[in-house]
Each structure stands twice: as structure tokens, then as C-alpha cells.
N, C-alpha and C. Protein backbone atom coordinates (compact mmCIF):
# COMPACT_ATOMS: atom_id res chain seq x y z
N MET A 1 -13.63 -8.32 4.92
CA MET A 1 -12.26 -8.14 5.36
C MET A 1 -11.44 -9.35 4.93
N ALA A 2 -10.31 -9.11 4.35
CA ALA A 2 -9.41 -10.18 3.93
C ALA A 2 -8.28 -10.32 4.94
N LEU A 3 -7.68 -11.47 4.98
CA LEU A 3 -6.56 -11.72 5.87
C LEU A 3 -5.37 -12.17 5.05
N TRP A 4 -4.18 -12.11 5.63
CA TRP A 4 -2.98 -12.50 4.92
C TRP A 4 -2.04 -13.22 5.86
N CYS A 5 -1.11 -13.93 5.28
CA CYS A 5 -0.12 -14.65 6.06
C CYS A 5 1.19 -14.65 5.29
N VAL A 6 2.27 -14.31 5.93
CA VAL A 6 3.58 -14.36 5.30
C VAL A 6 4.24 -15.67 5.70
N GLY A 7 4.61 -16.44 4.72
CA GLY A 7 5.30 -17.70 4.98
C GLY A 7 6.49 -17.79 4.06
N GLY A 8 7.67 -17.44 4.55
CA GLY A 8 8.85 -17.42 3.70
C GLY A 8 8.70 -16.34 2.64
N ASP A 9 8.71 -16.76 1.38
CA ASP A 9 8.60 -15.82 0.27
C ASP A 9 7.22 -15.89 -0.36
N MET A 10 6.22 -16.26 0.44
CA MET A 10 4.89 -16.47 -0.10
C MET A 10 3.85 -15.72 0.72
N ILE A 11 2.90 -15.11 0.01
CA ILE A 11 1.78 -14.42 0.65
C ILE A 11 0.53 -15.21 0.30
N VAL A 12 -0.28 -15.48 1.30
CA VAL A 12 -1.54 -16.18 1.08
C VAL A 12 -2.66 -15.25 1.54
N THR A 13 -3.63 -15.03 0.68
CA THR A 13 -4.76 -14.17 1.05
C THR A 13 -6.05 -14.95 0.92
N TRP A 14 -7.03 -14.56 1.73
CA TRP A 14 -8.33 -15.18 1.65
C TRP A 14 -9.35 -14.21 2.20
N GLY A 15 -10.59 -14.47 1.93
CA GLY A 15 -11.65 -13.57 2.37
C GLY A 15 -12.33 -12.95 1.17
N SER A 16 -12.98 -11.86 1.37
CA SER A 16 -13.72 -11.18 0.33
C SER A 16 -12.78 -10.73 -0.80
N PRO A 17 -12.97 -11.21 -2.03
CA PRO A 17 -12.08 -10.85 -3.13
C PRO A 17 -11.99 -9.34 -3.37
N GLU A 18 -13.11 -8.64 -3.29
CA GLU A 18 -13.10 -7.20 -3.55
C GLU A 18 -12.43 -6.40 -2.44
N ASP A 19 -12.17 -7.03 -1.31
CA ASP A 19 -11.52 -6.37 -0.18
C ASP A 19 -10.09 -6.84 0.02
N GLY A 20 -9.49 -7.46 -1.01
CA GLY A 20 -8.10 -7.90 -0.92
C GLY A 20 -7.92 -9.37 -0.66
N GLY A 21 -9.00 -10.12 -0.55
CA GLY A 21 -8.90 -11.55 -0.30
C GLY A 21 -8.39 -12.35 -1.49
N ASP A 22 -8.37 -11.74 -2.66
CA ASP A 22 -7.85 -12.39 -3.85
C ASP A 22 -6.68 -11.57 -4.38
N SER A 23 -5.48 -12.10 -4.19
CA SER A 23 -4.28 -11.39 -4.63
C SER A 23 -3.66 -12.02 -5.88
N THR A 24 -4.43 -12.81 -6.60
CA THR A 24 -3.88 -13.52 -7.76
C THR A 24 -3.36 -12.57 -8.84
N THR A 25 -3.94 -11.39 -8.98
CA THR A 25 -3.48 -10.47 -10.03
C THR A 25 -2.08 -9.91 -9.73
N VAL A 26 -1.65 -9.94 -8.47
CA VAL A 26 -0.33 -9.43 -8.11
C VAL A 26 0.58 -10.52 -7.54
N LYS A 27 0.13 -11.75 -7.60
CA LYS A 27 0.86 -12.88 -6.99
C LYS A 27 2.33 -12.93 -7.42
N ASP A 28 2.60 -12.75 -8.71
CA ASP A 28 3.97 -12.83 -9.20
C ASP A 28 4.84 -11.67 -8.74
N GLN A 29 4.22 -10.57 -8.31
CA GLN A 29 4.97 -9.41 -7.82
C GLN A 29 5.31 -9.52 -6.34
N LEU A 30 4.64 -10.42 -5.63
CA LEU A 30 4.79 -10.51 -4.18
C LEU A 30 5.96 -11.41 -3.80
N ARG A 31 7.15 -10.92 -4.08
CA ARG A 31 8.39 -11.61 -3.75
C ARG A 31 9.24 -10.69 -2.88
N ASN A 32 9.95 -11.27 -1.95
CA ASN A 32 10.80 -10.48 -1.04
C ASN A 32 10.00 -9.43 -0.28
N VAL A 33 8.83 -9.81 0.17
CA VAL A 33 7.96 -8.91 0.93
C VAL A 33 8.56 -8.67 2.31
N GLN A 34 8.69 -7.40 2.66
CA GLN A 34 9.24 -7.01 3.96
C GLN A 34 8.15 -6.68 4.97
N GLN A 35 7.09 -6.02 4.51
CA GLN A 35 5.99 -5.62 5.39
C GLN A 35 4.70 -5.62 4.59
N ILE A 36 3.59 -5.82 5.27
CA ILE A 36 2.27 -5.68 4.66
C ILE A 36 1.43 -4.81 5.59
N HIS A 37 0.71 -3.87 4.98
CA HIS A 37 -0.18 -2.98 5.72
C HIS A 37 -1.55 -3.05 5.06
N ALA A 38 -2.59 -2.72 5.83
CA ALA A 38 -3.95 -2.84 5.30
C ALA A 38 -4.82 -1.67 5.69
N THR A 39 -5.67 -1.28 4.74
CA THR A 39 -6.80 -0.43 5.06
C THR A 39 -7.94 -1.39 5.35
N GLU A 40 -9.13 -0.88 5.44
CA GLU A 40 -10.27 -1.77 5.68
C GLU A 40 -10.54 -2.68 4.48
N ARG A 41 -10.13 -2.22 3.27
CA ARG A 41 -10.50 -2.96 2.07
C ARG A 41 -9.37 -3.17 1.07
N ALA A 42 -8.12 -2.94 1.48
CA ALA A 42 -6.99 -3.08 0.55
C ALA A 42 -5.70 -3.37 1.32
N PHE A 43 -4.70 -3.85 0.56
CA PHE A 43 -3.40 -4.16 1.13
C PHE A 43 -2.30 -3.45 0.36
N ALA A 44 -1.19 -3.19 1.05
CA ALA A 44 0.01 -2.63 0.43
C ALA A 44 1.21 -3.39 1.01
N ALA A 45 2.04 -3.93 0.12
CA ALA A 45 3.22 -4.67 0.54
C ALA A 45 4.47 -3.89 0.14
N ILE A 46 5.39 -3.72 1.09
CA ILE A 46 6.69 -3.12 0.79
C ILE A 46 7.64 -4.26 0.46
N LEU A 47 8.28 -4.18 -0.70
CA LEU A 47 9.24 -5.19 -1.12
C LEU A 47 10.64 -4.80 -0.70
N ALA A 48 11.56 -5.75 -0.75
CA ALA A 48 12.94 -5.52 -0.32
C ALA A 48 13.61 -4.39 -1.08
N ASP A 49 13.22 -4.15 -2.32
CA ASP A 49 13.83 -3.08 -3.11
C ASP A 49 13.20 -1.71 -2.85
N GLY A 50 12.25 -1.63 -1.90
CA GLY A 50 11.61 -0.37 -1.55
C GLY A 50 10.42 0.00 -2.41
N SER A 51 10.03 -0.87 -3.32
CA SER A 51 8.83 -0.62 -4.12
C SER A 51 7.61 -1.15 -3.36
N VAL A 52 6.42 -0.85 -3.90
CA VAL A 52 5.17 -1.21 -3.23
C VAL A 52 4.24 -1.92 -4.21
N VAL A 53 3.59 -2.96 -3.74
CA VAL A 53 2.56 -3.67 -4.51
C VAL A 53 1.26 -3.52 -3.75
N THR A 54 0.17 -3.15 -4.45
CA THR A 54 -1.13 -2.98 -3.81
C THR A 54 -2.18 -3.84 -4.47
N TRP A 55 -3.20 -4.21 -3.69
CA TRP A 55 -4.34 -4.94 -4.24
C TRP A 55 -5.52 -4.76 -3.31
N GLY A 56 -6.70 -5.07 -3.83
CA GLY A 56 -7.94 -4.91 -3.06
C GLY A 56 -8.81 -3.85 -3.71
N SER A 57 -9.67 -3.24 -2.94
CA SER A 57 -10.59 -2.22 -3.44
C SER A 57 -9.81 -1.04 -4.02
N PRO A 58 -9.95 -0.77 -5.33
CA PRO A 58 -9.18 0.29 -5.97
C PRO A 58 -9.34 1.66 -5.32
N GLU A 59 -10.56 2.04 -5.00
CA GLU A 59 -10.80 3.37 -4.44
C GLU A 59 -10.36 3.50 -2.99
N ASP A 60 -10.06 2.38 -2.35
CA ASP A 60 -9.68 2.40 -0.93
C ASP A 60 -8.23 2.03 -0.70
N GLY A 61 -7.39 2.22 -1.73
CA GLY A 61 -5.95 1.99 -1.60
C GLY A 61 -5.41 0.81 -2.38
N GLY A 62 -6.28 -0.01 -2.95
CA GLY A 62 -5.84 -1.19 -3.69
C GLY A 62 -5.26 -0.88 -5.06
N ASP A 63 -5.45 0.34 -5.54
CA ASP A 63 -4.90 0.76 -6.83
C ASP A 63 -3.98 1.96 -6.59
N SER A 64 -2.70 1.75 -6.77
CA SER A 64 -1.72 2.82 -6.55
C SER A 64 -1.13 3.33 -7.86
N ILE A 65 -1.77 3.07 -8.98
CA ILE A 65 -1.24 3.44 -10.28
C ILE A 65 -0.96 4.94 -10.39
N ARG A 66 -1.77 5.76 -9.77
CA ARG A 66 -1.61 7.22 -9.82
C ARG A 66 -0.27 7.66 -9.21
N VAL A 67 0.24 6.91 -8.25
CA VAL A 67 1.48 7.29 -7.57
C VAL A 67 2.58 6.25 -7.73
N ARG A 68 2.37 5.26 -8.56
CA ARG A 68 3.32 4.15 -8.68
C ARG A 68 4.76 4.61 -8.92
N ASP A 69 4.95 5.60 -9.79
CA ASP A 69 6.30 6.09 -10.08
C ASP A 69 6.96 6.76 -8.88
N GLN A 70 6.16 7.21 -7.93
CA GLN A 70 6.69 7.86 -6.73
C GLN A 70 7.02 6.86 -5.62
N LEU A 71 6.48 5.65 -5.73
CA LEU A 71 6.65 4.66 -4.66
C LEU A 71 7.95 3.89 -4.83
N ARG A 72 9.04 4.60 -4.62
CA ARG A 72 10.39 4.03 -4.66
C ARG A 72 11.09 4.39 -3.36
N HIS A 73 11.92 3.50 -2.87
CA HIS A 73 12.66 3.72 -1.63
C HIS A 73 11.71 3.95 -0.45
N VAL A 74 10.62 3.19 -0.42
CA VAL A 74 9.64 3.30 0.66
C VAL A 74 10.22 2.69 1.94
N GLN A 75 10.16 3.45 3.02
CA GLN A 75 10.66 3.01 4.32
C GLN A 75 9.53 2.50 5.22
N GLN A 76 8.38 3.18 5.15
CA GLN A 76 7.24 2.85 6.01
C GLN A 76 5.95 3.10 5.25
N ILE A 77 4.91 2.38 5.65
CA ILE A 77 3.56 2.66 5.17
C ILE A 77 2.66 2.74 6.38
N HIS A 78 1.77 3.72 6.37
CA HIS A 78 0.75 3.85 7.41
C HIS A 78 -0.60 3.84 6.70
N ALA A 79 -1.60 3.34 7.38
CA ALA A 79 -2.92 3.23 6.78
C ALA A 79 -3.98 3.91 7.64
N THR A 80 -4.94 4.51 6.95
CA THR A 80 -6.15 4.97 7.61
C THR A 80 -7.22 3.94 7.26
N ARG A 81 -8.44 4.26 7.48
CA ARG A 81 -9.52 3.31 7.17
C ARG A 81 -9.56 2.96 5.68
N PHE A 82 -9.34 3.96 4.80
CA PHE A 82 -9.45 3.74 3.36
C PHE A 82 -8.35 4.39 2.55
N ALA A 83 -7.17 4.65 3.12
CA ALA A 83 -6.07 5.27 2.38
C ALA A 83 -4.73 4.87 3.00
N PHE A 84 -3.68 5.03 2.18
CA PHE A 84 -2.32 4.73 2.62
C PHE A 84 -1.45 5.98 2.53
N ALA A 85 -0.42 6.03 3.36
CA ALA A 85 0.63 7.04 3.28
C ALA A 85 1.96 6.31 3.37
N ALA A 86 2.83 6.56 2.39
CA ALA A 86 4.16 5.94 2.38
C ALA A 86 5.20 7.00 2.68
N VAL A 87 6.10 6.69 3.60
CA VAL A 87 7.23 7.56 3.91
C VAL A 87 8.43 7.05 3.13
N LEU A 88 9.01 7.92 2.30
CA LEU A 88 10.13 7.55 1.46
C LEU A 88 11.45 7.82 2.18
N ALA A 89 12.53 7.29 1.65
CA ALA A 89 13.85 7.44 2.27
C ALA A 89 14.27 8.89 2.41
N ASP A 90 13.81 9.76 1.50
CA ASP A 90 14.17 11.19 1.59
C ASP A 90 13.26 11.97 2.54
N GLY A 91 12.33 11.28 3.20
CA GLY A 91 11.44 11.93 4.15
C GLY A 91 10.14 12.43 3.57
N SER A 92 9.98 12.37 2.26
CA SER A 92 8.73 12.82 1.66
C SER A 92 7.64 11.76 1.86
N VAL A 93 6.40 12.19 1.67
CA VAL A 93 5.25 11.32 1.90
C VAL A 93 4.41 11.24 0.64
N VAL A 94 4.03 10.02 0.27
CA VAL A 94 3.16 9.78 -0.88
C VAL A 94 1.88 9.14 -0.36
N THR A 95 0.73 9.65 -0.81
CA THR A 95 -0.56 9.09 -0.36
C THR A 95 -1.38 8.62 -1.55
N TRP A 96 -2.25 7.65 -1.28
CA TRP A 96 -3.20 7.18 -2.29
C TRP A 96 -4.36 6.49 -1.57
N GLY A 97 -5.45 6.34 -2.28
CA GLY A 97 -6.66 5.77 -1.71
C GLY A 97 -7.78 6.79 -1.72
N HIS A 98 -8.73 6.61 -0.86
CA HIS A 98 -9.90 7.49 -0.79
C HIS A 98 -9.48 8.89 -0.32
N PRO A 99 -9.76 9.93 -1.13
CA PRO A 99 -9.34 11.29 -0.76
C PRO A 99 -9.88 11.76 0.59
N GLY A 100 -11.10 11.38 0.93
CA GLY A 100 -11.71 11.81 2.18
C GLY A 100 -11.09 11.17 3.41
N TYR A 101 -10.26 10.17 3.22
CA TYR A 101 -9.61 9.48 4.33
C TYR A 101 -8.09 9.64 4.30
N GLY A 102 -7.60 10.63 3.56
CA GLY A 102 -6.18 10.91 3.53
C GLY A 102 -5.46 10.50 2.26
N GLY A 103 -6.19 10.03 1.27
CA GLY A 103 -5.56 9.56 0.04
C GLY A 103 -5.08 10.63 -0.90
N ASP A 104 -5.37 11.89 -0.60
CA ASP A 104 -4.92 13.00 -1.44
C ASP A 104 -4.29 14.06 -0.55
N ASN A 105 -2.98 14.16 -0.62
CA ASN A 105 -2.26 15.11 0.23
C ASN A 105 -1.73 16.31 -0.55
N THR A 106 -2.28 16.60 -1.72
CA THR A 106 -1.72 17.66 -2.56
C THR A 106 -1.67 19.02 -1.87
N VAL A 107 -2.62 19.32 -1.03
CA VAL A 107 -2.66 20.62 -0.36
C VAL A 107 -1.53 20.76 0.67
N VAL A 108 -1.15 19.68 1.31
CA VAL A 108 -0.15 19.74 2.39
C VAL A 108 1.14 18.99 2.07
N LYS A 109 1.30 18.57 0.83
CA LYS A 109 2.44 17.74 0.45
C LYS A 109 3.79 18.33 0.88
N ASP A 110 3.99 19.61 0.70
CA ASP A 110 5.25 20.25 1.07
C ASP A 110 5.48 20.27 2.58
N GLN A 111 4.43 20.22 3.35
CA GLN A 111 4.54 20.23 4.80
C GLN A 111 4.81 18.83 5.36
N LEU A 112 4.57 17.79 4.57
CA LEU A 112 4.74 16.42 5.03
C LEU A 112 6.16 15.91 4.75
N ARG A 113 7.07 16.39 5.52
CA ARG A 113 8.46 15.97 5.40
C ARG A 113 9.01 15.69 6.79
N ARG A 114 9.76 14.63 6.86
CA ARG A 114 10.42 14.33 8.11
C ARG A 114 11.46 15.41 8.39
N LEU A 115 11.49 15.91 9.57
CA LEU A 115 12.44 16.98 9.92
C LEU A 115 13.79 16.40 10.30
């Protein structure tokens, strides 16, 4: 398990590198961080512009490349044990991470809208 600390415009991570303890690959992207959320093995940061930066275990939410183009105007992120769900400004939901823990919402995507 990795831990994090927000200090001004800086994020510091430590702990197991494969579980998000090493954020050096995304360090330059972690500016204007508004919120950070975690699964058991990955992190997701919402930036001031509504975009998202992820790191940690790729299969457990640390790799959001599959949905990166959809992660715009993010208002909230929620995490399960190994997956993330982002609520966008238009009320739609984008998920990524381990499919068995909620990382694949293709079957119910149309039903996941804020009313």
C-alpha cells in the first residue's frame, strides 16, 4: 500500500512502487491537484482543469489510457478495491481498472447517469 501527501502544488508518494508508491513517471503532470483517490493498488488525481492522472498497478486502476480521452470535466472519482469510476460534469460515468471490481461498465453505461 502506498501513501500520499498533498503539500501546496506537490504530491509526495512512498511505499510499494508497484502499488503507487512511485509516482515519478507522472510527477510532471501532478500540478493543480484538487483531489486524490485510491484503490488498493493505484491512485487517481483530479486536476483543476477536470482531467485525471493515474499511477500504480495498471490492471487495478493505475493505467487509464483506455479511457483517457473520456476523462474530461471530471467532477468526482469513486474507488472500489481495484477500479475507479469518474462522474463527469454531464452526469455520465467513466470506469477503468479491474473489470471484476467495476472497471468495465459497458453493459450498464447508459443507465449510469445522474438524474
